[in-house]
Amino acid sequence: MLSLEGRLSQLIKEARNLGAGATVDTVGDLQSALGSLDRELESTAPNPEQRRYLGKLRREAGLLLADARARAVLARDFGMVP
């Protein structure tokens, strides 16, 4: 099993690879996974330096997914989804 850092990094990679064809459902699944990682981050007590680093990864994943969701919603609402 990957560490919390490894799973956040994997989620960032998946978010970057979504591309223009991402659907609201696909992004929603990744956002749910991020929610689970958020809960894990809250329940673990790494040292302050590690916590800041994990927080940085979490913010990056959140921003990427928010952007992907906005693109997916626009594509869906304006008929740009095949």
N, C-alpha and C. Protein backbone atom coordinates (compact mmCIF):
# COMPACT_ATOMS: atom_id res chain seq x y z
N MET A 1 0.84 -1.18 0.00
CA MET A 1 0.00 0.00 0.00
C MET A 1 0.88 1.24 0.00
N LEU A 2 0.49 2.20 -0.80
CA LEU A 2 1.25 3.45 -0.89
C LEU A 2 1.05 4.29 0.37
N SER A 3 2.04 5.08 0.68
CA SER A 3 1.93 6.01 1.79
C SER A 3 0.92 7.10 1.43
N LEU A 4 0.55 7.90 2.41
CA LEU A 4 -0.36 9.01 2.15
C LEU A 4 0.25 9.95 1.11
N GLU A 5 1.53 10.21 1.23
CA GLU A 5 2.23 11.05 0.25
C GLU A 5 2.14 10.44 -1.15
N GLY A 6 2.36 9.12 -1.24
CA GLY A 6 2.30 8.43 -2.52
C GLY A 6 0.91 8.48 -3.13
N ARG A 7 -0.12 8.33 -2.30
CA ARG A 7 -1.49 8.37 -2.81
C ARG A 7 -1.89 9.77 -3.24
N LEU A 8 -1.44 10.79 -2.50
CA LEU A 8 -1.71 12.17 -2.94
C LEU A 8 -0.99 12.45 -4.26
N SER A 9 0.24 12.00 -4.38
CA SER A 9 1.00 12.20 -5.62
C SER A 9 0.33 11.49 -6.78
N GLN A 10 -0.17 10.29 -6.55
CA GLN A 10 -0.88 9.54 -7.59
C GLN A 10 -2.15 10.27 -8.02
N LEU A 11 -2.87 10.82 -7.04
CA LEU A 11 -4.09 11.56 -7.34
C LEU A 11 -3.77 12.81 -8.17
N ILE A 12 -2.69 13.49 -7.85
CA ILE A 12 -2.25 14.66 -8.63
C ILE A 12 -1.96 14.23 -10.06
N LYS A 13 -1.27 13.12 -10.21
CA LYS A 13 -0.95 12.62 -11.55
C LYS A 13 -2.23 12.31 -12.33
N GLU A 14 -3.18 11.66 -11.69
CA GLU A 14 -4.45 11.34 -12.35
C GLU A 14 -5.20 12.61 -12.71
N ALA A 15 -5.19 13.60 -11.83
CA ALA A 15 -5.89 14.86 -12.10
C ALA A 15 -5.25 15.58 -13.29
N ARG A 16 -3.93 15.55 -13.37
CA ARG A 16 -3.24 16.20 -14.50
C ARG A 16 -3.53 15.48 -15.82
N ASN A 17 -3.77 14.19 -15.74
CA ASN A 17 -4.00 13.40 -16.95
C ASN A 17 -5.46 13.35 -17.39
N LEU A 18 -6.34 14.07 -16.71
CA LEU A 18 -7.76 14.02 -17.06
C LEU A 18 -8.02 14.53 -18.47
N GLY A 19 -7.38 15.59 -18.85
CA GLY A 19 -7.55 16.13 -20.20
C GLY A 19 -8.91 16.74 -20.41
N ALA A 20 -9.16 17.08 -21.67
CA ALA A 20 -10.39 17.79 -22.03
C ALA A 20 -11.62 16.90 -22.00
N GLY A 21 -11.44 15.60 -22.04
CA GLY A 21 -12.57 14.68 -22.07
C GLY A 21 -13.08 14.25 -20.72
N ALA A 22 -12.62 14.89 -19.66
CA ALA A 22 -13.05 14.52 -18.32
C ALA A 22 -14.54 14.79 -18.14
N THR A 23 -15.20 13.88 -17.47
CA THR A 23 -16.63 14.06 -17.17
C THR A 23 -16.79 14.47 -15.72
N VAL A 24 -17.96 15.01 -15.41
CA VAL A 24 -18.26 15.39 -14.03
C VAL A 24 -18.17 14.17 -13.12
N ASP A 25 -18.63 13.03 -13.60
CA ASP A 25 -18.58 11.80 -12.79
C ASP A 25 -17.15 11.37 -12.51
N THR A 26 -16.30 11.42 -13.52
CA THR A 26 -14.90 11.03 -13.36
C THR A 26 -14.22 11.93 -12.34
N VAL A 27 -14.43 13.23 -12.48
CA VAL A 27 -13.83 14.18 -11.54
C VAL A 27 -14.41 13.97 -10.15
N GLY A 28 -15.70 13.72 -10.08
CA GLY A 28 -16.35 13.46 -8.78
C GLY A 28 -15.76 12.28 -8.06
N ASP A 29 -15.44 11.22 -8.81
CA ASP A 29 -14.80 10.05 -8.20
C ASP A 29 -13.45 10.41 -7.60
N LEU A 30 -12.68 11.21 -8.33
CA LEU A 30 -11.38 11.62 -7.82
C LEU A 30 -11.53 12.57 -6.62
N GLN A 31 -12.55 13.42 -6.65
CA GLN A 31 -12.79 14.30 -5.51
C GLN A 31 -13.20 13.50 -4.27
N SER A 32 -13.92 12.42 -4.46
CA SER A 32 -14.28 11.55 -3.34
C SER A 32 -13.03 10.90 -2.76
N ALA A 33 -12.15 10.46 -3.64
CA ALA A 33 -10.89 9.88 -3.18
C ALA A 33 -10.08 10.90 -2.39
N LEU A 34 -10.09 12.15 -2.86
CA LEU A 34 -9.38 13.21 -2.15
C LEU A 34 -10.01 13.44 -0.77
N GLY A 35 -11.33 13.35 -0.68
CA GLY A 35 -12.00 13.48 0.61
C GLY A 35 -11.55 12.42 1.59
N SER A 36 -11.38 11.20 1.11
CA SER A 36 -10.88 10.12 1.98
C SER A 36 -9.45 10.41 2.45
N LEU A 37 -8.64 10.92 1.53
CA LEU A 37 -7.27 11.26 1.90
C LEU A 37 -7.25 12.43 2.88
N ASP A 38 -8.19 13.36 2.73
CA ASP A 38 -8.31 14.48 3.68
C ASP A 38 -8.56 13.95 5.09
N ARG A 39 -9.50 13.02 5.21
CA ARG A 39 -9.81 12.45 6.52
C ARG A 39 -8.60 11.74 7.11
N GLU A 40 -7.88 11.04 6.26
CA GLU A 40 -6.68 10.36 6.75
C GLU A 40 -5.63 11.36 7.20
N LEU A 41 -5.47 12.43 6.45
CA LEU A 41 -4.50 13.47 6.82
C LEU A 41 -4.87 14.10 8.16
N GLU A 42 -6.16 14.32 8.38
CA GLU A 42 -6.61 14.89 9.65
C GLU A 42 -6.37 13.96 10.82
N SER A 43 -6.48 12.66 10.59
CA SER A 43 -6.37 11.70 11.69
C SER A 43 -4.94 11.28 11.98
N THR A 44 -4.03 11.56 11.07
CA THR A 44 -2.63 11.23 11.32
C THR A 44 -1.95 12.46 11.91
N ALA A 45 -0.88 12.22 12.59
CA ALA A 45 -0.16 13.33 13.23
C ALA A 45 1.31 13.29 12.84
N PRO A 46 1.61 13.52 11.54
CA PRO A 46 3.02 13.55 11.17
C PRO A 46 3.68 14.78 11.77
N ASN A 47 4.98 14.82 11.68
CA ASN A 47 5.68 15.99 12.22
C ASN A 47 5.26 17.23 11.43
N PRO A 48 5.45 18.42 12.00
CA PRO A 48 4.97 19.65 11.35
C PRO A 48 5.49 19.85 9.92
N GLU A 49 6.74 19.52 9.67
CA GLU A 49 7.30 19.69 8.33
C GLU A 49 6.60 18.78 7.34
N GLN A 50 6.39 17.53 7.72
CA GLN A 50 5.70 16.58 6.84
C GLN A 50 4.24 17.00 6.64
N ARG A 51 3.61 17.49 7.70
CA ARG A 51 2.22 17.92 7.60
C ARG A 51 2.09 19.08 6.60
N ARG A 52 3.03 20.02 6.63
CA ARG A 52 3.01 21.14 5.68
C ARG A 52 3.17 20.63 4.26
N TYR A 53 4.09 19.68 4.07
CA TYR A 53 4.32 19.13 2.73
C TYR A 53 3.08 18.39 2.23
N LEU A 54 2.48 17.57 3.08
CA LEU A 54 1.27 16.85 2.69
C LEU A 54 0.13 17.83 2.42
N GLY A 55 0.06 18.91 3.19
CA GLY A 55 -0.95 19.94 2.96
C GLY A 55 -0.76 20.60 1.61
N LYS A 56 0.50 20.81 1.23
CA LYS A 56 0.80 21.40 -0.08
C LYS A 56 0.34 20.48 -1.21
N LEU A 57 0.62 19.18 -1.06
CA LEU A 57 0.16 18.21 -2.06
C LEU A 57 -1.36 18.18 -2.14
N ARG A 58 -2.00 18.24 -0.99
CA ARG A 58 -3.47 18.20 -0.93
C ARG A 58 -4.06 19.43 -1.64
N ARG A 59 -3.48 20.60 -1.40
CA ARG A 59 -3.97 21.81 -2.06
C ARG A 59 -3.79 21.72 -3.57
N GLU A 60 -2.65 21.20 -4.00
CA GLU A 60 -2.41 21.06 -5.44
C GLU A 60 -3.45 20.13 -6.07
N ALA A 61 -3.70 19.00 -5.41
CA ALA A 61 -4.70 18.06 -5.93
C ALA A 61 -6.08 18.72 -5.97
N GLY A 62 -6.42 19.44 -4.92
CA GLY A 62 -7.72 20.11 -4.86
C GLY A 62 -7.90 21.14 -5.96
N LEU A 63 -6.86 21.92 -6.20
CA LEU A 63 -6.93 22.94 -7.26
C LEU A 63 -7.05 22.31 -8.64
N LEU A 64 -6.28 21.26 -8.88
CA LEU A 64 -6.35 20.57 -10.18
C LEU A 64 -7.75 19.99 -10.40
N LEU A 65 -8.31 19.39 -9.35
CA LEU A 65 -9.63 18.79 -9.49
C LEU A 65 -10.72 19.85 -9.62
N ALA A 66 -10.57 20.97 -8.93
CA ALA A 66 -11.56 22.05 -9.07
C ALA A 66 -11.55 22.58 -10.50
N ASP A 67 -10.37 22.74 -11.06
CA ASP A 67 -10.26 23.20 -12.44
C ASP A 67 -10.86 22.18 -13.41
N ALA A 68 -10.55 20.91 -13.19
CA ALA A 68 -11.09 19.86 -14.07
C ALA A 68 -12.61 19.79 -13.96
N ARG A 69 -13.13 19.95 -12.76
CA ARG A 69 -14.59 19.92 -12.59
C ARG A 69 -15.24 21.10 -13.31
N ALA A 70 -14.64 22.28 -13.20
CA ALA A 70 -15.20 23.45 -13.89
C ALA A 70 -15.23 23.21 -15.40
N ARG A 71 -14.14 22.66 -15.95
CA ARG A 71 -14.11 22.36 -17.38
C ARG A 71 -15.17 21.33 -17.75
N ALA A 72 -15.31 20.29 -16.92
CA ALA A 72 -16.28 19.23 -17.21
C ALA A 72 -17.71 19.76 -17.14
N VAL A 73 -18.00 20.61 -16.18
CA VAL A 73 -19.35 21.18 -16.06
C VAL A 73 -19.65 22.07 -17.26
N LEU A 74 -18.70 22.91 -17.64
CA LEU A 74 -18.90 23.76 -18.81
C LEU A 74 -19.12 22.92 -20.08
N ALA A 75 -18.32 21.88 -20.23
CA ALA A 75 -18.47 21.02 -21.40
C ALA A 75 -19.83 20.33 -21.40
N ARG A 76 -20.26 19.87 -20.24
CA ARG A 76 -21.56 19.21 -20.15
C ARG A 76 -22.70 20.19 -20.42
N ASP A 77 -22.63 21.35 -19.79
CA ASP A 77 -23.73 22.31 -19.87
C ASP A 77 -23.85 22.98 -21.24
N PHE A 78 -22.74 23.05 -21.95
CA PHE A 78 -22.77 23.68 -23.27
C PHE A 78 -22.67 22.67 -24.40
N GLY A 79 -22.97 21.41 -24.09
CA GLY A 79 -23.07 20.39 -25.11
C GLY A 79 -21.78 20.02 -25.79
N MET A 80 -20.67 20.17 -25.09
CA MET A 80 -19.38 19.86 -25.69
C MET A 80 -18.93 18.45 -25.36
N VAL A 81 -19.76 17.67 -24.67
CA VAL A 81 -19.42 16.30 -24.34
C VAL A 81 -20.04 15.40 -25.40
N PRO A 82 -19.24 14.47 -25.94
CA PRO A 82 -19.78 13.59 -27.01
C PRO A 82 -20.91 12.72 -26.51
